[in-house]
Amino acid sequence: MATVKNLKIKTATCKRIIKELHSYEKEVEREAAKTADMKEKGADPYDLKQQENVLAESRMMVPDCHKRLESALADLKGTLDELEKSTQVRGPEFDDARSIITEIESFLKTTEE
């Protein structure tokens, strides 16, 4: 049974994951620039290899976050639908959940293109 508390938790989860995703994307940009700079300066091959490994790990986290975000979005939609059908009372939690759903869906559309 979905509750308003569950709705708040799932909304916060979506917010956290989108924040994580943005953080990983920034990290990938930063690490790619650092790797390019090391190549340009002719860094030690071992150090360069380690930096490339760091970059690869950062790049792997972006698709993982996308999957978790899609899953969390589906959970949030399901909980919101269930609550809207079962209760007449609408609080700010419902509006917050709807705005997060809209934000995430538009974000996912732009990343797919």
C-alpha atoms as a PDB file:
ATOM      1  CA  MET A   1       0.000   0.000   0.000  1.00  0.00           C
ATOM      2  CA  ALA A   2       1.459   3.324  -1.058  1.00  0.00           C
ATOM      3  CA  THR A   3       1.623   6.116   1.489  1.00  0.00           C
ATOM      4  CA  VAL A   4       2.526   9.784   1.330  1.00  0.00           C
ATOM      5  CA  LYS A   5       5.736   8.894   3.172  1.00  0.00           C
ATOM      6  CA  ASN A   6       6.637   6.434   0.382  1.00  0.00           C
ATOM      7  CA  LEU A   7       5.906   9.144  -2.172  1.00  0.00           C
ATOM      8  CA  LYS A   8       8.276  11.539  -0.392  1.00  0.00           C
ATOM      9  CA  ILE A   9      10.991   8.867  -0.240  1.00  0.00           C
ATOM     10  CA  LYS A  10      10.681   7.973  -3.924  1.00  0.00           C
ATOM     11  CA  THR A  11      10.672  11.654  -4.902  1.00  0.00           C
ATOM     12  CA  ALA A  12      13.828  12.253  -2.868  1.00  0.00           C
ATOM     13  CA  THR A  13      15.425   9.167  -4.449  1.00  0.00           C
ATOM     14  CA  CYS A  14      14.783  10.547  -7.939  1.00  0.00           C
ATOM     15  CA  LYS A  15      16.239  13.925  -6.931  1.00  0.00           C
ATOM     16  CA  ARG A  16      19.344  12.258  -5.519  1.00  0.00           C
ATOM     17  CA  ILE A  17      19.924  10.088  -8.580  1.00  0.00           C
ATOM     18  CA  ILE A  18      19.563  13.007 -11.004  1.00  0.00           C
ATOM     19  CA  LYS A  19      22.045  14.955  -8.871  1.00  0.00           C
ATOM     20  CA  GLU A  20      24.429  11.974  -8.948  1.00  0.00           C
ATOM     21  CA  LEU A  21      24.066  11.707 -12.717  1.00  0.00           C
ATOM     22  CA  HIS A  22      24.966  15.364 -13.212  1.00  0.00           C
ATOM     23  CA  SER A  23      27.930  14.898 -10.895  1.00  0.00           C
ATOM     24  CA  TYR A  24      29.223  11.905 -12.871  1.00  0.00           C
ATOM     25  CA  GLU A  25      28.810  13.757 -16.152  1.00  0.00           C
ATOM     26  CA  LYS A  26      30.885  16.655 -14.795  1.00  0.00           C
ATOM     27  CA  GLU A  27      33.467  14.184 -13.501  1.00  0.00           C
ATOM     28  CA  VAL A  28      33.761  12.568 -16.939  1.00  0.00           C
ATOM     29  CA  GLU A  29      34.373  15.982 -18.524  1.00  0.00           C
ATOM     30  CA  ARG A  30      36.952  16.878 -15.876  1.00  0.00           C
ATOM     31  CA  GLU A  31      38.775  13.531 -16.129  1.00  0.00           C
ATOM     32  CA  ALA A  32      38.735  13.614 -19.949  1.00  0.00           C
ATOM     33  CA  ALA A  33      40.341  17.056 -19.883  1.00  0.00           C
ATOM     34  CA  LYS A  34      42.925  15.830 -17.389  1.00  0.00           C
ATOM     35  CA  THR A  35      43.713  12.771 -19.551  1.00  0.00           C
ATOM     36  CA  ALA A  36      44.068  14.902 -22.675  1.00  0.00           C
ATOM     37  CA  ASP A  37      46.350  17.282 -20.797  1.00  0.00           C
ATOM     38  CA  MET A  38      48.510  14.392 -19.597  1.00  0.00           C
ATOM     39  CA  LYS A  39      48.797  13.033 -23.163  1.00  0.00           C
ATOM     40  CA  GLU A  40      49.682  16.465 -24.466  1.00  0.00           C
ATOM     41  CA  LYS A  41      52.418  16.932 -21.871  1.00  0.00           C
ATOM     42  CA  GLY A  42      53.840  13.465 -22.487  1.00  0.00           C
ATOM     43  CA  ALA A  43      53.178  12.071 -19.015  1.00  0.00           C
ATOM     44  CA  ASP A  44      54.628   8.809 -17.766  1.00  0.00           C
ATOM     45  CA  PRO A  45      52.879   5.865 -19.520  1.00  0.00           C
ATOM     46  CA  TYR A  46      51.959   4.255 -16.195  1.00  0.00           C
ATOM     47  CA  ASP A  47      50.369   7.452 -14.883  1.00  0.00           C
ATOM     48  CA  LEU A  48      48.545   7.929 -18.162  1.00  0.00           C
ATOM     49  CA  LYS A  49      47.206   4.360 -18.019  1.00  0.00           C
ATOM     50  CA  GLN A  50      45.969   4.906 -14.471  1.00  0.00           C
ATOM     51  CA  GLN A  51      44.261   8.135 -15.501  1.00  0.00           C
ATOM     52  CA  GLU A  52      42.595   6.362 -18.436  1.00  0.00           C
ATOM     53  CA  ASN A  53      41.298   3.735 -15.986  1.00  0.00           C
ATOM     54  CA  VAL A  54      39.838   6.487 -13.793  1.00  0.00           C
ATOM     55  CA  LEU A  55      38.164   7.996 -16.842  1.00  0.00           C
ATOM     56  CA  ALA A  56      36.762   4.617 -17.917  1.00  0.00           C
ATOM     57  CA  GLU A  57      35.301   4.008 -14.446  1.00  0.00           C
ATOM     58  CA  SER A  58      33.662   7.426 -14.476  1.00  0.00           C
ATOM     59  CA  ARG A  59      32.193   6.774 -17.920  1.00  0.00           C
ATOM     60  CA  MET A  60      30.741   3.446 -16.724  1.00  0.00           C
ATOM     61  CA  MET A  61      28.815   5.192 -13.962  1.00  0.00           C
ATOM     62  CA  VAL A  62      26.760   7.367 -16.340  1.00  0.00           C
ATOM     63  CA  PRO A  63      24.766   4.485 -17.942  1.00  0.00           C
ATOM     64  CA  ASP A  64      24.357   2.901 -14.508  1.00  0.00           C
ATOM     65  CA  CYS A  65      22.825   6.121 -13.183  1.00  0.00           C
ATOM     66  CA  HIS A  66      20.537   6.294 -16.215  1.00  0.00           C
ATOM     67  CA  LYS A  67      19.234   2.790 -15.454  1.00  0.00           C
ATOM     68  CA  ARG A  68      18.711   3.581 -11.785  1.00  0.00           C
ATOM     69  CA  LEU A  69      16.978   6.849 -12.688  1.00  0.00           C
ATOM     70  CA  GLU A  70      14.590   5.100 -15.085  1.00  0.00           C
ATOM     71  CA  SER A  71      13.801   2.495 -12.443  1.00  0.00           C
ATOM     72  CA  ALA A  72      13.241   5.115  -9.738  1.00  0.00           C
ATOM     73  CA  LEU A  73      11.054   7.121 -12.117  1.00  0.00           C
ATOM     74  CA  ALA A  74       8.877   4.073 -12.795  1.00  0.00           C
ATOM     75  CA  ASP A  75       8.543   3.453  -9.030  1.00  0.00           C
ATOM     76  CA  LEU A  76       7.618   7.080  -8.424  1.00  0.00           C
ATOM     77  CA  LYS A  77       4.991   7.057 -11.185  1.00  0.00           C
ATOM     78  CA  GLY A  78       3.467   3.858  -9.831  1.00  0.00           C
ATOM     79  CA  THR A  79       3.305   5.173  -6.288  1.00  0.00           C
ATOM     80  CA  LEU A  80       1.831   8.488  -7.421  1.00  0.00           C
ATOM     81  CA  ASP A  81      -0.830   6.749  -9.520  1.00  0.00           C
ATOM     82  CA  GLU A  82      -1.741   4.419  -6.660  1.00  0.00           C
ATOM     83  CA  LEU A  83      -2.024   7.289  -4.191  1.00  0.00           C
ATOM     84  CA  GLU A  84      -4.066   9.442  -6.542  1.00  0.00           C
ATOM     85  CA  LYS A  85      -6.562   6.600  -7.002  1.00  0.00           C
ATOM     86  CA  SER A  86      -6.802   5.744  -3.301  1.00  0.00           C
ATOM     87  CA  THR A  87      -6.882   9.173  -1.619  1.00  0.00           C
ATOM     88  CA  GLN A  88      -8.811  12.359  -2.089  1.00  0.00           C
ATOM     89  CA  VAL A  89      -6.367  14.519  -0.139  1.00  0.00           C
ATOM     90  CA  ARG A  90      -3.669  16.203  -2.224  1.00  0.00           C
ATOM     91  CA  GLY A  91      -0.698  17.798  -0.526  1.00  0.00           C
ATOM     92  CA  PRO A  92       2.439  19.516  -1.744  1.00  0.00           C
ATOM     93  CA  GLU A  93       4.095  16.098  -1.984  1.00  0.00           C
ATOM     94  CA  PHE A  94       1.935  15.309  -5.017  1.00  0.00           C
ATOM     95  CA  ASP A  95       2.932  18.510  -6.808  1.00  0.00           C
ATOM     96  CA  ASP A  96       6.586  17.915  -5.974  1.00  0.00           C
ATOM     97  CA  ALA A  97       6.396  14.366  -7.349  1.00  0.00           C
ATOM     98  CA  ARG A  98       4.707  15.542 -10.548  1.00  0.00           C
ATOM     99  CA  SER A  99       7.325  18.264 -11.107  1.00  0.00           C
ATOM    100  CA  ILE A 100      10.173  15.767 -10.584  1.00  0.00           C
ATOM    101  CA  ILE A 101       8.537  13.335 -13.027  1.00  0.00           C
ATOM    102  CA  THR A 102       8.246  16.084 -15.636  1.00  0.00           C
ATOM    103  CA  GLU A 103      11.845  17.203 -15.059  1.00  0.00           C
ATOM    104  CA  ILE A 104      13.238  13.687 -15.353  1.00  0.00           C
ATOM    105  CA  GLU A 105      11.195  12.821 -18.440  1.00  0.00           C
ATOM    106  CA  SER A 106      12.367  15.951 -20.249  1.00  0.00           C
ATOM    107  CA  PHE A 107      15.963  15.223 -19.168  1.00  0.00           C
ATOM    108  CA  LEU A 108      15.756  11.655 -20.458  1.00  0.00           C
ATOM    109  CA  LYS A 109      14.302  12.834 -23.782  1.00  0.00           C
ATOM    110  CA  THR A 110      17.189  15.264 -24.315  1.00  0.00           C
ATOM    111  CA  THR A 111      19.797  12.615 -23.500  1.00  0.00           C
ATOM    112  CA  GLU A 112      18.234  10.101 -25.907  1.00  0.00           C
ATOM    113  CA  GLU A 113      18.448  12.524 -28.833  1.00  0.00           C
END
